[in-house]
Amino acid sequence: MHLNEAVALRIKELCEESKLTQYQLYLKSGVPQSTLSTIMKCSYPSMKLRIIYEICDGLGISLNDFFNSPLFDRDNIDD
């Protein structure tokens, strides 16, 4: 899978764990709903770490927590 797909899946996982909708994540993180939608559709060509940081802030987790997932294992990511 591509990195943007792994990011989208991880956000989905974390939102489900926290019982948050995309709209609620927008309210908590400040990341525009249109940006979240683009990320979730995997149409975001290059992910900025700042956006992931803001999403993590909204979820109340660290960047380390975000990337601490088998989704980001080197064997799972295509170049």
PDB file of N, CA and C in Angstrom:
ATOM      1  N   MET A   1       0.849  -1.173   0.000  1.00  0.00           N
ATOM      2  CA  MET A   1       0.000   0.000   0.000  1.00  0.00           C
ATOM      3  C   MET A   1       0.889   1.229   0.000  1.00  0.00           C
ATOM      4  N   HIS A   2       0.359   2.325  -0.489  1.00  0.00           N
ATOM      5  CA  HIS A   2       1.098   3.583  -0.515  1.00  0.00           C
ATOM      6  C   HIS A   2       0.969   4.272   0.840  1.00  0.00           C
ATOM      7  N   LEU A   3       1.899   5.155   1.112  1.00  0.00           N
ATOM      8  CA  LEU A   3       1.932   5.841   2.397  1.00  0.00           C
ATOM      9  C   LEU A   3       0.646   6.616   2.664  1.00  0.00           C
ATOM     10  N   ASN A   4       0.106   7.282   1.644  1.00  0.00           N
ATOM     11  CA  ASN A   4      -1.127   8.046   1.869  1.00  0.00           C
ATOM     12  C   ASN A   4      -2.297   7.131   2.230  1.00  0.00           C
ATOM     13  N   GLU A   5      -2.298   5.899   1.726  1.00  0.00           N
ATOM     14  CA  GLU A   5      -3.332   4.931   2.089  1.00  0.00           C
ATOM     15  C   GLU A   5      -3.177   4.495   3.545  1.00  0.00           C
ATOM     16  N   ALA A   6      -1.930   4.279   3.961  1.00  0.00           N
ATOM     17  CA  ALA A   6      -1.664   3.893   5.353  1.00  0.00           C
ATOM     18  C   ALA A   6      -2.100   5.002   6.306  1.00  0.00           C
ATOM     19  N   VAL A   7      -1.824   6.259   5.947  1.00  0.00           N
ATOM     20  CA  VAL A   7      -2.229   7.397   6.775  1.00  0.00           C
ATOM     21  C   VAL A   7      -3.753   7.444   6.888  1.00  0.00           C
ATOM     22  N   ALA A   8      -4.441   7.290   5.771  1.00  0.00           N
ATOM     23  CA  ALA A   8      -5.907   7.329   5.781  1.00  0.00           C
ATOM     24  C   ALA A   8      -6.480   6.200   6.633  1.00  0.00           C
ATOM     25  N   LEU A   9      -5.939   5.011   6.486  1.00  0.00           N
ATOM     26  CA  LEU A   9      -6.416   3.876   7.286  1.00  0.00           C
ATOM     27  C   LEU A   9      -6.160   4.093   8.771  1.00  0.00           C
ATOM     28  N   ARG A  10      -5.000   4.666   9.098  1.00  0.00           N
ATOM     29  CA  ARG A  10      -4.673   4.913  10.505  1.00  0.00           C
ATOM     30  C   ARG A  10      -5.616   5.945  11.106  1.00  0.00           C
ATOM     31  N   ILE A  11      -5.911   6.995  10.373  1.00  0.00           N
ATOM     32  CA  ILE A  11      -6.851   8.009  10.865  1.00  0.00           C
ATOM     33  C   ILE A  11      -8.217   7.370  11.084  1.00  0.00           C
ATOM     34  N   LYS A  12      -8.644   6.547  10.154  1.00  0.00           N
ATOM     35  CA  LYS A  12      -9.931   5.866  10.284  1.00  0.00           C
ATOM     36  C   LYS A  12      -9.944   4.985  11.533  1.00  0.00           C
ATOM     37  N   GLU A  13      -8.887   4.214  11.733  1.00  0.00           N
ATOM     38  CA  GLU A  13      -8.762   3.360  12.923  1.00  0.00           C
ATOM     39  C   GLU A  13      -8.886   4.173  14.204  1.00  0.00           C
ATOM     40  N   LEU A  14      -8.108   5.250  14.264  1.00  0.00           N
ATOM     41  CA  LEU A  14      -8.073   6.068  15.476  1.00  0.00           C
ATOM     42  C   LEU A  14      -9.404   6.771  15.733  1.00  0.00           C
ATOM     43  N   CYS A  15     -10.069   7.198  14.671  1.00  0.00           N
ATOM     44  CA  CYS A  15     -11.389   7.818  14.835  1.00  0.00           C
ATOM     45  C   CYS A  15     -12.401   6.791  15.347  1.00  0.00           C
ATOM     46  N   GLU A  16     -12.327   5.585  14.817  1.00  0.00           N
ATOM     47  CA  GLU A  16     -13.235   4.538  15.290  1.00  0.00           C
ATOM     48  C   GLU A  16     -12.982   4.215  16.758  1.00  0.00           C
ATOM     49  N   GLU A  17     -11.700   4.132  17.153  1.00  0.00           N
ATOM     50  CA  GLU A  17     -11.354   3.872  18.551  1.00  0.00           C
ATOM     51  C   GLU A  17     -11.884   4.968  19.460  1.00  0.00           C
ATOM     52  N   SER A  18     -11.810   6.204  18.990  1.00  0.00           N
ATOM     53  CA  SER A  18     -12.245   7.356  19.787  1.00  0.00           C
ATOM     54  C   SER A  18     -13.722   7.689  19.589  1.00  0.00           C
ATOM     55  N   LYS A  19     -14.373   6.919  18.697  1.00  0.00           N
ATOM     56  CA  LYS A  19     -15.786   7.155  18.362  1.00  0.00           C
ATOM     57  C   LYS A  19     -16.006   8.590  17.860  1.00  0.00           C
ATOM     58  N   LEU A  20     -15.100   9.019  16.978  1.00  0.00           N
ATOM     59  CA  LEU A  20     -15.192  10.349  16.381  1.00  0.00           C
ATOM     60  C   LEU A  20     -15.561  10.250  14.914  1.00  0.00           C
ATOM     61  N   THR A  21     -16.401  11.156  14.471  1.00  0.00           N
ATOM     62  CA  THR A  21     -16.676  11.276  13.048  1.00  0.00           C
ATOM     63  C   THR A  21     -15.625  12.190  12.436  1.00  0.00           C
ATOM     64  N   GLN A  22     -15.587  12.230  11.131  1.00  0.00           N
ATOM     65  CA  GLN A  22     -14.668  13.134  10.445  1.00  0.00           C
ATOM     66  C   GLN A  22     -14.958  14.585  10.847  1.00  0.00           C
ATOM     67  N   TYR A  23     -16.235  14.911  10.981  1.00  0.00           N
ATOM     68  CA  TYR A  23     -16.618  16.267  11.376  1.00  0.00           C
ATOM     69  C   TYR A  23     -16.122  16.590  12.791  1.00  0.00           C
ATOM     70  N   GLN A  24     -16.258  15.640  13.705  1.00  0.00           N
ATOM     71  CA  GLN A  24     -15.788  15.859  15.074  1.00  0.00           C
ATOM     72  C   GLN A  24     -14.264  16.006  15.111  1.00  0.00           C
ATOM     73  N   LEU A  25     -13.576  15.244  14.273  1.00  0.00           N
ATOM     74  CA  LEU A  25     -12.120  15.375  14.193  1.00  0.00           C
ATOM     75  C   LEU A  25     -11.744  16.758  13.689  1.00  0.00           C
ATOM     76  N   TYR A  26     -12.469  17.246  12.716  1.00  0.00           N
ATOM     77  CA  TYR A  26     -12.241  18.610  12.217  1.00  0.00           C
ATOM     78  C   TYR A  26     -12.397  19.625  13.357  1.00  0.00           C
ATOM     79  N   LEU A  27     -13.457  19.477  14.141  1.00  0.00           N
ATOM     80  CA  LEU A  27     -13.689  20.413  15.244  1.00  0.00           C
ATOM     81  C   LEU A  27     -12.573  20.354  16.282  1.00  0.00           C
ATOM     82  N   LYS A  28     -12.075  19.170  16.576  1.00  0.00           N
ATOM     83  CA  LYS A  28     -11.040  18.997  17.596  1.00  0.00           C
ATOM     84  C   LYS A  28      -9.647  19.371  17.102  1.00  0.00           C
ATOM     85  N   SER A  29      -9.386  19.123  15.811  1.00  0.00           N
ATOM     86  CA  SER A  29      -8.031  19.316  15.294  1.00  0.00           C
ATOM     87  C   SER A  29      -7.828  20.653  14.584  1.00  0.00           C
ATOM     88  N   GLY A  30      -8.905  21.197  14.038  1.00  0.00           N
ATOM     89  CA  GLY A  30      -8.773  22.425  13.258  1.00  0.00           C
ATOM     90  C   GLY A  30      -8.369  22.170  11.811  1.00  0.00           C
ATOM     91  N   VAL A  31      -8.137  20.911  11.457  1.00  0.00           N
ATOM     92  CA  VAL A  31      -7.814  20.583  10.066  1.00  0.00           C
ATOM     93  C   VAL A  31      -9.110  20.681   9.280  1.00  0.00           C
ATOM     94  N   PRO A  32      -9.137  21.504   8.225  1.00  0.00           N
ATOM     95  CA  PRO A  32     -10.373  21.697   7.470  1.00  0.00           C
ATOM     96  C   PRO A  32     -11.002  20.372   7.026  1.00  0.00           C
ATOM     97  N   GLN A  33     -12.318  20.344   7.051  1.00  0.00           N
ATOM     98  CA  GLN A  33     -13.047  19.135   6.681  1.00  0.00           C
ATOM     99  C   GLN A  33     -12.713  18.715   5.248  1.00  0.00           C
ATOM    100  N   SER A  34     -12.508  19.685   4.380  1.00  0.00           N
ATOM    101  CA  SER A  34     -12.166  19.356   2.986  1.00  0.00           C
ATOM    102  C   SER A  34     -10.803  18.663   2.914  1.00  0.00           C
ATOM    103  N   THR A  35      -9.869  19.082   3.749  1.00  0.00           N
ATOM    104  CA  THR A  35      -8.550  18.437   3.787  1.00  0.00           C
ATOM    105  C   THR A  35      -8.671  17.020   4.320  1.00  0.00           C
ATOM    106  N   LEU A  36      -9.433  16.841   5.401  1.00  0.00           N
ATOM    107  CA  LEU A  36      -9.638  15.503   5.953  1.00  0.00           C
ATOM    108  C   LEU A  36     -10.279  14.582   4.921  1.00  0.00           C
ATOM    109  N   SER A  37     -11.254  15.101   4.204  1.00  0.00           N
ATOM    110  CA  SER A  37     -11.934  14.311   3.177  1.00  0.00           C
ATOM    111  C   SER A  37     -10.958  13.900   2.081  1.00  0.00           C
ATOM    112  N   THR A  38     -10.118  14.824   1.654  1.00  0.00           N
ATOM    113  CA  THR A  38      -9.121  14.538   0.619  1.00  0.00           C
ATOM    114  C   THR A  38      -8.138  13.481   1.099  1.00  0.00           C
ATOM    115  N   ILE A  39      -7.718  13.577   2.357  1.00  0.00           N
ATOM    116  CA  ILE A  39      -6.802  12.583   2.925  1.00  0.00           C
ATOM    117  C   ILE A  39      -7.468  11.213   2.949  1.00  0.00           C
ATOM    118  N   MET A  40      -8.710  11.167   3.392  1.00  0.00           N
ATOM    119  CA  MET A  40      -9.413   9.899   3.531  1.00  0.00           C
ATOM    120  C   MET A  40      -9.697   9.236   2.177  1.00  0.00           C
ATOM    121  N   LYS A  41      -9.794  10.042   1.126  1.00  0.00           N
ATOM    122  CA  LYS A  41      -9.995   9.511  -0.232  1.00  0.00           C
ATOM    123  C   LYS A  41      -8.667   9.148  -0.896  1.00  0.00           C
ATOM    124  N   CYS A  42      -7.574   9.348  -0.163  1.00  0.00           N
ATOM    125  CA  CYS A  42      -6.215   9.076  -0.667  1.00  0.00           C
ATOM    126  C   CYS A  42      -5.886   9.917  -1.894  1.00  0.00           C
ATOM    127  N   SER A  43      -6.484  11.098  -2.004  1.00  0.00           N
ATOM    128  CA  SER A  43      -6.174  11.963  -3.132  1.00  0.00           C
ATOM    129  C   SER A  43      -5.205  13.069  -2.748  1.00  0.00           C
ATOM    130  N   TYR A  44      -4.641  12.966  -1.569  1.00  0.00           N
ATOM    131  CA  TYR A  44      -3.659  13.946  -1.112  1.00  0.00           C
ATOM    132  C   TYR A  44      -2.296  13.457  -1.588  1.00  0.00           C
ATOM    133  N   PRO A  45      -1.691  14.133  -2.565  1.00  0.00           N
ATOM    134  CA  PRO A  45      -0.466  13.615  -3.175  1.00  0.00           C
ATOM    135  C   PRO A  45       0.723  13.535  -2.211  1.00  0.00           C
ATOM    136  N   SER A  46       0.884  14.548  -1.385  1.00  0.00           N
ATOM    137  CA  SER A  46       2.005  14.521  -0.436  1.00  0.00           C
ATOM    138  C   SER A  46       1.510  15.032   0.920  1.00  0.00           C
ATOM    139  N   MET A  47       1.655  14.191   1.898  1.00  0.00           N
ATOM    140  CA  MET A  47       1.162  14.493   3.233  1.00  0.00           C
ATOM    141  C   MET A  47       2.169  15.356   3.975  1.00  0.00           C
ATOM    142  N   LYS A  48       1.699  16.424   4.552  1.00  0.00           N
ATOM    143  CA  LYS A  48       2.564  17.276   5.356  1.00  0.00           C
ATOM    144  C   LYS A  48       2.508  16.789   6.801  1.00  0.00           C
ATOM    145  N   LEU A  49       3.666  16.708   7.402  1.00  0.00           N
ATOM    146  CA  LEU A  49       3.745  16.256   8.787  1.00  0.00           C
ATOM    147  C   LEU A  49       2.952  17.177   9.703  1.00  0.00           C
ATOM    148  N   ARG A  50       2.885  18.439   9.374  1.00  0.00           N
ATOM    149  CA  ARG A  50       2.132  19.405  10.186  1.00  0.00           C
ATOM    150  C   ARG A  50       0.650  19.008  10.272  1.00  0.00           C
ATOM    151  N   ILE A  51       0.086  18.547   9.185  1.00  0.00           N
ATOM    152  CA  ILE A  51      -1.319  18.135   9.174  1.00  0.00           C
ATOM    153  C   ILE A  51      -1.510  16.909  10.061  1.00  0.00           C
ATOM    154  N   ILE A  52      -0.587  15.944   9.947  1.00  0.00           N
ATOM    155  CA  ILE A  52      -0.678  14.754  10.797  1.00  0.00           C
ATOM    156  C   ILE A  52      -0.537  15.167  12.263  1.00  0.00           C
ATOM    157  N   TYR A  53       0.361  16.100  12.537  1.00  0.00           N
ATOM    158  CA  TYR A  53       0.538  16.598  13.911  1.00  0.00           C
ATOM    159  C   TYR A  53      -0.764  17.207  14.435  1.00  0.00           C
ATOM    160  N   GLU A  54      -1.432  18.015  13.631  1.00  0.00           N
ATOM    161  CA  GLU A  54      -2.686  18.644  14.051  1.00  0.00           C
ATOM    162  C   GLU A  54      -3.782  17.607  14.268  1.00  0.00           C
ATOM    163  N   ILE A  55      -3.809  16.581  13.426  1.00  0.00           N
ATOM    164  CA  ILE A  55      -4.774  15.491  13.602  1.00  0.00           C
ATOM    165  C   ILE A  55      -4.482  14.763  14.916  1.00  0.00           C
ATOM    166  N   CYS A  56      -3.211  14.489  15.171  1.00  0.00           N
ATOM    167  CA  CYS A  56      -2.823  13.839  16.428  1.00  0.00           C
ATOM    168  C   CYS A  56      -3.228  14.685  17.624  1.00  0.00           C
ATOM    169  N   ASP A  57      -3.027  15.980  17.529  1.00  0.00           N
ATOM    170  CA  ASP A  57      -3.416  16.884  18.613  1.00  0.00           C
ATOM    171  C   ASP A  57      -4.916  16.781  18.872  1.00  0.00           C
ATOM    172  N   GLY A  58      -5.697  16.730  17.815  1.00  0.00           N
ATOM    173  CA  GLY A  58      -7.145  16.601  17.940  1.00  0.00           C
ATOM    174  C   GLY A  58      -7.563  15.267  18.540  1.00  0.00           C
ATOM    175  N   LEU A  59      -6.779  14.234  18.265  1.00  0.00           N
ATOM    176  CA  LEU A  59      -7.066  12.908  18.806  1.00  0.00           C
ATOM    177  C   LEU A  59      -6.491  12.723  20.213  1.00  0.00           C
ATOM    178  N   GLY A  60      -5.639  13.670  20.622  1.00  0.00           N
ATOM    179  CA  GLY A  60      -5.023  13.576  21.945  1.00  0.00           C
ATOM    180  C   GLY A  60      -3.921  12.528  22.011  1.00  0.00           C
ATOM    181  N   ILE A  61      -3.212  12.336  20.900  1.00  0.00           N
ATOM    182  CA  ILE A  61      -2.121  11.367  20.856  1.00  0.00           C
ATOM    183  C   ILE A  61      -0.861  12.037  20.321  1.00  0.00           C
ATOM    184  N   SER A  62       0.266  11.347  20.468  1.00  0.00           N
ATOM    185  CA  SER A  62       1.535  11.853  19.938  1.00  0.00           C
ATOM    186  C   SER A  62       1.749  11.330  18.516  1.00  0.00           C
ATOM    187  N   LEU A  63       2.709  11.930  17.835  1.00  0.00           N
ATOM    188  CA  LEU A  63       3.089  11.424  16.510  1.00  0.00           C
ATOM    189  C   LEU A  63       3.586   9.984  16.628  1.00  0.00           C
ATOM    190  N   ASN A  64       4.293   9.705  17.723  1.00  0.00           N
ATOM    191  CA  ASN A  64       4.781   8.348  17.953  1.00  0.00           C
ATOM    192  C   ASN A  64       3.610   7.362  18.029  1.00  0.00           C
ATOM    193  N   ASP A  65       2.557   7.744  18.745  1.00  0.00           N
ATOM    194  CA  ASP A  65       1.367   6.892  18.836  1.00  0.00           C
ATOM    195  C   ASP A  65       0.742   6.690  17.451  1.00  0.00           C
ATOM    196  N   PHE A  66       0.714   7.751  16.668  1.00  0.00           N
ATOM    197  CA  PHE A  66       0.108   7.661  15.334  1.00  0.00           C
ATOM    198  C   PHE A  66       0.849   6.649  14.465  1.00  0.00           C
ATOM    199  N   PHE A  67       2.170   6.763  14.444  1.00  0.00           N
ATOM    200  CA  PHE A  67       2.960   5.911  13.557  1.00  0.00           C
ATOM    201  C   PHE A  67       3.278   4.543  14.160  1.00  0.00           C
ATOM    202  N   ASN A  68       2.900   4.320  15.401  1.00  0.00           N
ATOM    203  CA  ASN A  68       3.117   3.032  16.055  1.00  0.00           C
ATOM    204  C   ASN A  68       2.001   2.063  15.654  1.00  0.00           C
ATOM    205  N   SER A  69       2.074   1.615  14.421  1.00  0.00           N
ATOM    206  CA  SER A  69       1.063   0.730  13.850  1.00  0.00           C
ATOM    207  C   SER A  69       1.716  -0.139  12.786  1.00  0.00           C
ATOM    208  N   PRO A  70       1.280  -1.386  12.678  1.00  0.00           N
ATOM    209  CA  PRO A  70       1.818  -2.253  11.622  1.00  0.00           C
ATOM    210  C   PRO A  70       1.582  -1.700  10.215  1.00  0.00           C
ATOM    211  N   LEU A  71       0.623  -0.783  10.087  1.00  0.00           N
ATOM    212  CA  LEU A  71       0.378  -0.171   8.775  1.00  0.00           C
ATOM    213  C   LEU A  71       1.637   0.483   8.222  1.00  0.00           C
ATOM    214  N   PHE A  72       2.494   0.980   9.126  1.00  0.00           N
ATOM    215  CA  PHE A  72       3.679   1.720   8.697  1.00  0.00           C
ATOM    216  C   PHE A  72       4.943   0.874   8.678  1.00  0.00           C
ATOM    217  N   ASP A  73       4.816  -0.452   8.866  1.00  0.00           N
ATOM    218  CA  ASP A  73       5.982  -1.321   8.743  1.00  0.00           C
ATOM    219  C   ASP A  73       6.502  -1.237   7.324  1.00  0.00           C
ATOM    220  N   ARG A  74       7.791  -1.243   7.190  1.00  0.00           N
ATOM    221  CA  ARG A  74       8.437  -1.087   5.882  1.00  0.00           C
ATOM    222  C   ARG A  74       7.909  -2.104   4.860  1.00  0.00           C
ATOM    223  N   ASP A  75       7.615  -3.302   5.317  1.00  0.00           N
ATOM    224  CA  ASP A  75       7.119  -4.340   4.406  1.00  0.00           C
ATOM    225  C   ASP A  75       5.724  -4.029   3.861  1.00  0.00           C
ATOM    226  N   ASN A  76       5.000  -3.149   4.520  1.00  0.00           N
ATOM    227  CA  ASN A  76       3.629  -2.832   4.105  1.00  0.00           C
ATOM    228  C   ASN A  76       3.536  -1.609   3.196  1.00  0.00           C
ATOM    229  N   ILE A  77       4.609  -0.847   3.091  1.00  0.00           N
ATOM    230  CA  ILE A  77       4.584   0.409   2.320  1.00  0.00           C
ATOM    231  C   ILE A  77       5.336   0.243   1.002  1.00  0.00           C
ATOM    232  N   ASP A  78       4.666   0.598  -0.086  1.00  0.00           N
ATOM    233  CA  ASP A  78       5.300   0.625  -1.409  1.00  0.00           C
ATOM    234  C   ASP A  78       5.913   1.993  -1.633  1.00  0.00           C
ATOM    235  N   ASP A  79       6.975   2.019  -2.368  1.00  0.00           N
ATOM    236  CA  ASP A  79       7.603   3.306  -2.703  1.00  0.00           C
ATOM    237  C   ASP A  79       6.858   4.009  -3.793  1.00  0.00           C
TER     238      ASP A  79
END
